[in-house]
Amino acid sequence: MLATAFKSVSVRPASGRQVPSARSIWTIILLILGILLLIVPLGHAAPHMLALPEPQMTTMPEMNHADPGGKCDAMGSSMSSVNLMGQSMAAMTNHMCVTAMRPIQPGDEERVKALIAQIKAAIEKYKDYRKALADGYVIANPKVEQPQYHFTNDAYVRLADTQFDPTRPSSLLYWHTSTQRYQLEGVMYTDSTSATLDELNQRIPLSIARWHEHINFCAAPANKVSEYHGENPKFGMFGSIHTAEACRAEGGTFLPVIFSWMIHVFPYEADLKDVFSMNDDIPHVH
C-alpha cells in the first residue's frame, strides 16, 4: 500500500497478464515519431507529443471510443473546454483515455500535499538540467524547438511498471522560456498499461487528479506518412482514424494503447487543480 505521507515506495507484484512493457511500447512509438520528425515542420512541435503538427480543434466530444477495461471517462460537456486541457491535448479527442474523478476520501488531500512536498525536495537539484542528464535523463528530441521538453529516464519508466517511487519520476518537464531553454516546471509519472484504477488511485488519488493514456493509434503505411499532418490528418494522435477496422482499410497498423498510463504534476503551482493540470500549452513555471 502507498504510505499516507509517501515516505515509502509502493511496490506492486508484476501482473501475470501478458502485456507489453512500457519500454517496448515506448520503443515502438518513438520509432513512429522519429518518422514524423522528418516530415513535420519544426515550428509546429506540440509539447505533449514531441513534434506533431499543431491541432485545429475547438470542442471535445466524448472520449469513450475505445475503453480498455472500462477505465475511461466519457467526459462530455464537463470537459468540453479546450482551456481545461489545452489545444494540443484536446485535439487528441479520439485518442485519449482519461480516468474519471472519484469522490474525495478522507486523507486524499493530505496524501497529495505530502507528495507535492516530496516531489519538490527530490527535483530541486534538477533545476540545473545538466544534473538531470548526469542522472540518466535523456532529452526527447533536443534539436526540435518545443515549448515543453520531456527529459525521460528509461530505467525509471521500467521501474514504474511495478512500483511507485515519487523521488524517481519517469520524466522531468522543462519549459522553454524567453531567457532559459530548460526551466524546470514539473514531472511525469507513469504506470503499466495493465494497472487498475485502484492501483492508479493508490499512487495519486483519483479524487484530485486524472491519469491519462494514449489510445487508438493508427500508424501510417510507408506510402501515406504525409497524412500524419495537414488540415485533416488521417493517422497518428491527431488523425481521424481511431478504429482497428478503419486503420486496416487504409493499410495502417493499429495500436489500441501506446505509451503507459501517465500523469503530469506541476508542484510549483499554488492551486491543486493547477498542480495536476492537463494543459501543457501554458507554462507552469514560477
Foldseek 3Di string as FASTA:
>chain_A
DQDLLNPDKFFAPADPDDDDALLVLCVVVVVLVVVVVVQAPLVQQEQPSGHAGQADDAFAAFAVPDAVVNFADRCHPVPTGCVQQPRVVRLLRPWKGKGAADADDPSQVVSVVSLLVLLCVLCVVCQVVVVVVVVQWQWDPPVRDYQKIWTAHSVQSRVQQTMDRSSRARTWIAGCDPVHHGGTFWGKHFYAQPDDPVRVCSRHNSNQAMWMWTFQFWRADPVCSNLSDDNARQGGSNHPHRDPVVSVVRVTDTDGTGRGTMFIAGSVDDDSSLRRGNYPPDGRHD
